[in-house]
Amino acid sequence: MSTTVHILVALGALVTILHILRLVRLNQLRSKYALLWLVIAALLLPLAVAPGLLEWASESVGVYYAPTTFLVLAVGFLFLVAVHYSWELSRLEAKVRSLAEGLALLQAEEAERNARADG
């Protein structure tokens, strides 16, 4: 990759870090998710600053085309993020269902009390 691309990747990582920190400060992003994205942005910085790092890592695991290593890591990371979000969504769906059932029971009790008071 050219020097320009490395500079753009480094700037992109820095802008991402600043944006994540801004979202946390404004309470628009929870810290557990912010930590995930900050780690990813921090891992991209050395790859942008030291271009030979990805090639060295790729050769040490037996991959001869460095972008393949990056692509495999990126796809693996996105897979883990999708699994984590599916788990979170399932957990929250169960909580919402439980809360809706509890609310329905309370509303039924209130309607019954009102019917007895009117009748």
N, C-alpha and C. Protein backbone atom coordinates (compact mmCIF):
# COMPACT_ATOMS: atom_id res chain seq x y z
N MET A 1 0.85 -1.18 0.00
CA MET A 1 0.00 0.00 0.00
C MET A 1 0.89 1.24 0.00
N SER A 2 0.34 2.30 -0.54
CA SER A 2 1.10 3.55 -0.62
C SER A 2 1.05 4.28 0.72
N THR A 3 1.93 5.25 0.83
CA THR A 3 1.99 6.06 2.05
C THR A 3 0.69 6.81 2.25
N THR A 4 0.07 7.25 1.18
CA THR A 4 -1.19 7.98 1.28
C THR A 4 -2.28 7.12 1.90
N VAL A 5 -2.34 5.87 1.51
CA VAL A 5 -3.34 4.95 2.06
C VAL A 5 -3.09 4.73 3.55
N HIS A 6 -1.83 4.58 3.94
CA HIS A 6 -1.51 4.39 5.35
C HIS A 6 -1.90 5.62 6.17
N ILE A 7 -1.67 6.78 5.62
CA ILE A 7 -2.06 8.02 6.32
C ILE A 7 -3.57 8.10 6.44
N LEU A 8 -4.29 7.74 5.38
CA LEU A 8 -5.75 7.76 5.44
C LEU A 8 -6.29 6.76 6.46
N VAL A 9 -5.70 5.58 6.54
CA VAL A 9 -6.14 4.58 7.52
C VAL A 9 -5.87 5.09 8.94
N ALA A 10 -4.70 5.69 9.16
CA ALA A 10 -4.37 6.23 10.48
C ALA A 10 -5.33 7.35 10.85
N LEU A 11 -5.62 8.25 9.93
CA LEU A 11 -6.57 9.33 10.19
C LEU A 11 -7.97 8.78 10.45
N GLY A 12 -8.36 7.77 9.69
CA GLY A 12 -9.67 7.15 9.90
C GLY A 12 -9.78 6.53 11.29
N ALA A 13 -8.71 5.87 11.73
CA ALA A 13 -8.71 5.26 13.06
C ALA A 13 -8.78 6.34 14.14
N LEU A 14 -8.05 7.41 13.97
CA LEU A 14 -8.08 8.50 14.95
C LEU A 14 -9.44 9.18 15.00
N VAL A 15 -10.04 9.41 13.84
CA VAL A 15 -11.37 10.02 13.79
C VAL A 15 -12.40 9.09 14.45
N THR A 16 -12.26 7.79 14.22
CA THR A 16 -13.16 6.82 14.84
C THR A 16 -13.04 6.86 16.36
N ILE A 17 -11.82 6.91 16.85
CA ILE A 17 -11.60 6.97 18.30
C ILE A 17 -12.24 8.22 18.88
N LEU A 18 -12.02 9.36 18.24
CA LEU A 18 -12.60 10.61 18.73
C LEU A 18 -14.12 10.58 18.69
N HIS A 19 -14.68 10.01 17.64
CA HIS A 19 -16.14 9.93 17.51
C HIS A 19 -16.74 9.01 18.59
N ILE A 20 -16.10 7.88 18.83
CA ILE A 20 -16.58 6.96 19.87
C ILE A 20 -16.55 7.64 21.23
N LEU A 21 -15.45 8.33 21.53
CA LEU A 21 -15.35 9.03 22.80
C LEU A 21 -16.43 10.11 22.93
N ARG A 22 -16.74 10.79 21.83
CA ARG A 22 -17.80 11.80 21.83
C ARG A 22 -19.16 11.17 22.11
N LEU A 23 -19.43 10.02 21.49
CA LEU A 23 -20.70 9.33 21.71
C LEU A 23 -20.85 8.87 23.16
N VAL A 24 -19.76 8.41 23.76
CA VAL A 24 -19.81 7.99 25.16
C VAL A 24 -20.06 9.20 26.05
N ARG A 25 -19.38 10.31 25.77
CA ARG A 25 -19.54 11.51 26.58
C ARG A 25 -20.98 12.03 26.52
N LEU A 26 -21.62 11.88 25.37
CA LEU A 26 -23.01 12.33 25.20
C LEU A 26 -24.02 11.27 25.64
N ASN A 27 -23.55 10.17 26.21
CA ASN A 27 -24.40 9.05 26.66
C ASN A 27 -25.23 8.46 25.52
N GLN A 28 -24.69 8.44 24.33
CA GLN A 28 -25.38 7.84 23.20
C GLN A 28 -24.84 6.46 22.86
N LEU A 29 -23.75 6.06 23.53
CA LEU A 29 -23.17 4.75 23.32
C LEU A 29 -22.70 4.23 24.67
N ARG A 30 -23.12 3.02 24.99
CA ARG A 30 -22.73 2.43 26.27
C ARG A 30 -21.25 2.08 26.25
N SER A 31 -20.66 2.11 27.42
CA SER A 31 -19.21 1.93 27.52
C SER A 31 -18.76 0.55 27.06
N LYS A 32 -19.60 -0.49 27.25
CA LYS A 32 -19.16 -1.83 26.83
C LYS A 32 -19.02 -1.92 25.32
N TYR A 33 -19.86 -1.21 24.58
CA TYR A 33 -19.74 -1.19 23.12
C TYR A 33 -18.64 -0.25 22.69
N ALA A 34 -18.48 0.85 23.42
CA ALA A 34 -17.41 1.80 23.10
C ALA A 34 -16.05 1.13 23.23
N LEU A 35 -15.90 0.32 24.27
CA LEU A 35 -14.63 -0.37 24.47
C LEU A 35 -14.30 -1.27 23.29
N LEU A 36 -15.28 -1.98 22.80
CA LEU A 36 -15.09 -2.85 21.64
C LEU A 36 -14.57 -2.06 20.44
N TRP A 37 -15.23 -0.96 20.11
CA TRP A 37 -14.84 -0.17 18.94
C TRP A 37 -13.53 0.57 19.15
N LEU A 38 -13.25 0.99 20.37
CA LEU A 38 -11.97 1.64 20.64
C LEU A 38 -10.81 0.66 20.49
N VAL A 39 -11.01 -0.58 20.91
CA VAL A 39 -9.96 -1.59 20.75
C VAL A 39 -9.71 -1.85 19.27
N ILE A 40 -10.76 -1.94 18.49
CA ILE A 40 -10.60 -2.18 17.05
C ILE A 40 -9.87 -1.01 16.40
N ALA A 41 -10.26 0.21 16.72
CA ALA A 41 -9.59 1.38 16.16
C ALA A 41 -8.13 1.42 16.59
N ALA A 42 -7.86 1.08 17.85
CA ALA A 42 -6.48 1.07 18.34
C ALA A 42 -5.65 -0.02 17.66
N LEU A 43 -6.28 -1.13 17.29
CA LEU A 43 -5.56 -2.18 16.58
C LEU A 43 -5.25 -1.80 15.14
N LEU A 44 -6.06 -0.93 14.56
CA LEU A 44 -5.81 -0.49 13.19
C LEU A 44 -4.66 0.51 13.10
N LEU A 45 -4.43 1.25 14.16
CA LEU A 45 -3.37 2.26 14.14
C LEU A 45 -1.98 1.67 13.86
N PRO A 46 -1.56 0.61 14.56
CA PRO A 46 -0.24 0.06 14.24
C PRO A 46 -0.14 -0.47 12.81
N LEU A 47 -1.23 -1.00 12.29
CA LEU A 47 -1.21 -1.49 10.90
C LEU A 47 -1.01 -0.34 9.92
N ALA A 48 -1.54 0.82 10.25
CA ALA A 48 -1.38 1.97 9.38
C ALA A 48 0.00 2.59 9.51
N VAL A 49 0.53 2.60 10.73
CA VAL A 49 1.82 3.24 10.98
C VAL A 49 2.98 2.35 10.53
N ALA A 50 2.86 1.06 10.77
CA ALA A 50 3.93 0.12 10.41
C ALA A 50 3.41 -0.82 9.33
N PRO A 51 3.60 -0.45 8.07
CA PRO A 51 3.04 -1.26 6.97
C PRO A 51 3.56 -2.69 6.92
N GLY A 52 4.77 -2.92 7.38
CA GLY A 52 5.33 -4.27 7.33
C GLY A 52 4.77 -5.20 8.38
N LEU A 53 4.04 -4.65 9.35
CA LEU A 53 3.50 -5.47 10.44
C LEU A 53 2.51 -6.52 9.94
N LEU A 54 1.62 -6.13 9.06
CA LEU A 54 0.64 -7.08 8.52
C LEU A 54 1.32 -8.15 7.68
N GLU A 55 2.32 -7.74 6.88
CA GLU A 55 3.03 -8.73 6.07
C GLU A 55 3.79 -9.72 6.97
N TRP A 56 4.43 -9.19 8.03
CA TRP A 56 5.16 -10.07 8.95
C TRP A 56 4.20 -11.04 9.63
N ALA A 57 3.05 -10.53 10.12
CA ALA A 57 2.08 -11.40 10.79
C ALA A 57 1.54 -12.45 9.82
N SER A 58 1.29 -12.04 8.59
CA SER A 58 0.76 -12.98 7.59
C SER A 58 1.77 -14.08 7.29
N GLU A 59 3.02 -13.69 7.07
CA GLU A 59 4.05 -14.69 6.76
C GLU A 59 4.29 -15.63 7.94
N SER A 60 4.16 -15.10 9.16
CA SER A 60 4.43 -15.96 10.32
C SER A 60 3.35 -17.02 10.52
N VAL A 61 2.15 -16.80 9.98
CA VAL A 61 1.11 -17.83 10.06
C VAL A 61 0.95 -18.59 8.75
N GLY A 62 1.79 -18.29 7.78
CA GLY A 62 1.79 -19.04 6.53
C GLY A 62 0.89 -18.49 5.45
N VAL A 63 0.47 -17.26 5.57
CA VAL A 63 -0.36 -16.63 4.53
C VAL A 63 0.57 -15.73 3.72
N TYR A 64 0.54 -15.89 2.40
CA TYR A 64 1.50 -15.17 1.56
C TYR A 64 0.94 -13.89 0.96
N TYR A 65 -0.33 -13.64 1.13
CA TYR A 65 -0.94 -12.40 0.62
C TYR A 65 -1.56 -11.70 1.82
N ALA A 66 -0.90 -10.66 2.32
CA ALA A 66 -1.27 -10.00 3.57
C ALA A 66 -2.72 -9.51 3.63
N PRO A 67 -3.28 -8.95 2.55
CA PRO A 67 -4.68 -8.52 2.64
C PRO A 67 -5.65 -9.66 2.96
N THR A 68 -5.28 -10.89 2.62
CA THR A 68 -6.12 -12.03 2.96
C THR A 68 -6.21 -12.18 4.48
N THR A 69 -5.10 -12.01 5.15
CA THR A 69 -5.10 -12.10 6.61
C THR A 69 -6.02 -11.04 7.21
N PHE A 70 -5.89 -9.82 6.69
CA PHE A 70 -6.73 -8.73 7.18
C PHE A 70 -8.20 -9.03 6.92
N LEU A 71 -8.53 -9.54 5.75
CA LEU A 71 -9.91 -9.85 5.39
C LEU A 71 -10.47 -10.96 6.28
N VAL A 72 -9.69 -11.99 6.53
CA VAL A 72 -10.15 -13.09 7.39
C VAL A 72 -10.40 -12.59 8.81
N LEU A 73 -9.51 -11.75 9.32
CA LEU A 73 -9.70 -11.19 10.66
C LEU A 73 -10.93 -10.28 10.71
N ALA A 74 -11.12 -9.49 9.67
CA ALA A 74 -12.29 -8.60 9.63
C ALA A 74 -13.59 -9.39 9.58
N VAL A 75 -13.65 -10.41 8.75
CA VAL A 75 -14.86 -11.24 8.65
C VAL A 75 -15.11 -11.97 9.97
N GLY A 76 -14.06 -12.49 10.59
CA GLY A 76 -14.21 -13.15 11.88
C GLY A 76 -14.72 -12.19 12.94
N PHE A 77 -14.20 -10.98 12.95
CA PHE A 77 -14.66 -9.97 13.90
C PHE A 77 -16.13 -9.64 13.66
N LEU A 78 -16.52 -9.44 12.42
CA LEU A 78 -17.92 -9.12 12.12
C LEU A 78 -18.84 -10.28 12.49
N PHE A 79 -18.38 -11.51 12.32
CA PHE A 79 -19.17 -12.66 12.73
C PHE A 79 -19.40 -12.63 14.24
N LEU A 80 -18.34 -12.37 15.00
CA LEU A 80 -18.48 -12.30 16.46
C LEU A 80 -19.41 -11.16 16.89
N VAL A 81 -19.33 -10.03 16.21
CA VAL A 81 -20.22 -8.91 16.53
C VAL A 81 -21.68 -9.30 16.25
N ALA A 82 -21.92 -9.97 15.12
CA ALA A 82 -23.29 -10.39 14.79
C ALA A 82 -23.82 -11.39 15.81
N VAL A 83 -23.00 -12.33 16.24
CA VAL A 83 -23.43 -13.30 17.26
C VAL A 83 -23.73 -12.58 18.58
N HIS A 84 -22.86 -11.65 18.96
CA HIS A 84 -23.08 -10.91 20.21
C HIS A 84 -24.37 -10.11 20.14
N TYR A 85 -24.62 -9.42 19.03
CA TYR A 85 -25.85 -8.64 18.91
C TYR A 85 -27.08 -9.53 18.87
N SER A 86 -26.98 -10.70 18.29
CA SER A 86 -28.10 -11.64 18.30
C SER A 86 -28.40 -12.09 19.72
N TRP A 87 -27.35 -12.35 20.49
CA TRP A 87 -27.52 -12.74 21.88
C TRP A 87 -28.17 -11.62 22.68
N GLU A 88 -27.68 -10.38 22.49
CA GLU A 88 -28.27 -9.23 23.19
C GLU A 88 -29.74 -9.06 22.80
N LEU A 89 -30.03 -9.17 21.52
CA LEU A 89 -31.40 -9.01 21.05
C LEU A 89 -32.32 -10.08 21.64
N SER A 90 -31.86 -11.31 21.70
CA SER A 90 -32.66 -12.39 22.28
C SER A 90 -32.92 -12.14 23.76
N ARG A 91 -31.89 -11.70 24.46
CA ARG A 91 -32.02 -11.42 25.90
C ARG A 91 -33.00 -10.28 26.13
N LEU A 92 -32.90 -9.22 25.34
CA LEU A 92 -33.80 -8.08 25.50
C LEU A 92 -35.23 -8.43 25.10
N GLU A 93 -35.37 -9.28 24.09
CA GLU A 93 -36.71 -9.71 23.67
C GLU A 93 -37.40 -10.47 24.79
N ALA A 94 -36.67 -11.33 25.49
CA ALA A 94 -37.25 -12.07 26.61
C ALA A 94 -37.65 -11.12 27.74
N LYS A 95 -36.84 -10.09 27.99
CA LYS A 95 -37.18 -9.11 29.03
C LYS A 95 -38.43 -8.33 28.65
N VAL A 96 -38.53 -7.93 27.40
CA VAL A 96 -39.71 -7.18 26.94
C VAL A 96 -40.96 -8.03 27.05
N ARG A 97 -40.86 -9.31 26.68
CA ARG A 97 -42.00 -10.21 26.79
C ARG A 97 -42.44 -10.34 28.25
N SER A 98 -41.49 -10.50 29.15
CA SER A 98 -41.81 -10.62 30.57
C SER A 98 -42.45 -9.34 31.10
N LEU A 99 -41.93 -8.21 30.71
CA LEU A 99 -42.51 -6.94 31.14
C LEU A 99 -43.91 -6.74 30.57
N ALA A 100 -44.14 -7.13 29.33
CA ALA A 100 -45.46 -7.01 28.71
C ALA A 100 -46.47 -7.90 29.42
N GLU A 101 -46.04 -9.12 29.79
CA GLU A 101 -46.94 -10.02 30.51
C GLU A 101 -47.28 -9.45 31.89
N GLY A 102 -46.28 -8.91 32.57
CA GLY A 102 -46.52 -8.31 33.88
C GLY A 102 -47.45 -7.11 33.78
N LEU A 103 -47.28 -6.30 32.77
CA LEU A 103 -48.15 -5.14 32.57
C LEU A 103 -49.57 -5.59 32.26
N ALA A 104 -49.72 -6.63 31.45
CA ALA A 104 -51.06 -7.13 31.13
C ALA A 104 -51.75 -7.64 32.39
N LEU A 105 -51.03 -8.31 33.27
CA LEU A 105 -51.62 -8.79 34.52
C LEU A 105 -52.05 -7.61 35.41
N LEU A 106 -51.21 -6.59 35.50
CA LEU A 106 -51.57 -5.42 36.30
C LEU A 106 -52.79 -4.70 35.73
N GLN A 107 -52.86 -4.60 34.42
CA GLN A 107 -54.01 -3.95 33.79
C GLN A 107 -55.28 -4.76 34.02
N ALA A 108 -55.16 -6.09 33.97
CA ALA A 108 -56.33 -6.95 34.22
C ALA A 108 -56.79 -6.80 35.66
N GLU A 109 -55.86 -6.74 36.61
CA GLU A 109 -56.23 -6.54 38.02
C GLU A 109 -56.91 -5.18 38.22
N GLU A 110 -56.38 -4.17 37.59
CA GLU A 110 -56.97 -2.84 37.72
C GLU A 110 -58.37 -2.80 37.12
N ALA A 111 -58.54 -3.43 35.97
CA ALA A 111 -59.86 -3.47 35.34
C ALA A 111 -60.85 -4.22 36.23
N GLU A 112 -60.39 -5.30 36.88
CA GLU A 112 -61.26 -6.07 37.77
C GLU A 112 -61.65 -5.23 38.99
N ARG A 113 -60.69 -4.50 39.55
CA ARG A 113 -60.97 -3.62 40.70
C ARG A 113 -61.97 -2.53 40.32
N ASN A 114 -61.79 -1.95 39.16
CA ASN A 114 -62.70 -0.91 38.69
C ASN A 114 -64.10 -1.47 38.45
N ALA A 115 -64.19 -2.70 37.94
CA ALA A 115 -65.48 -3.32 37.69
C ALA A 115 -66.20 -3.59 39.01
N ARG A 116 -65.47 -4.02 40.04
CA ARG A 116 -66.08 -4.26 41.36
C ARG A 116 -66.52 -2.96 42.01
N ALA A 117 -65.71 -1.91 41.84
CA ALA A 117 -66.05 -0.61 42.44
C ALA A 117 -67.28 0.00 41.76
N ASP A 118 -67.44 -0.23 40.46
CA ASP A 118 -68.60 0.32 39.72
C ASP A 118 -69.83 -0.53 39.95
N GLY A 119 -69.65 -1.79 40.19
CA GLY A 119 -70.77 -2.73 40.24
C GLY A 119 -71.28 -2.95 41.56
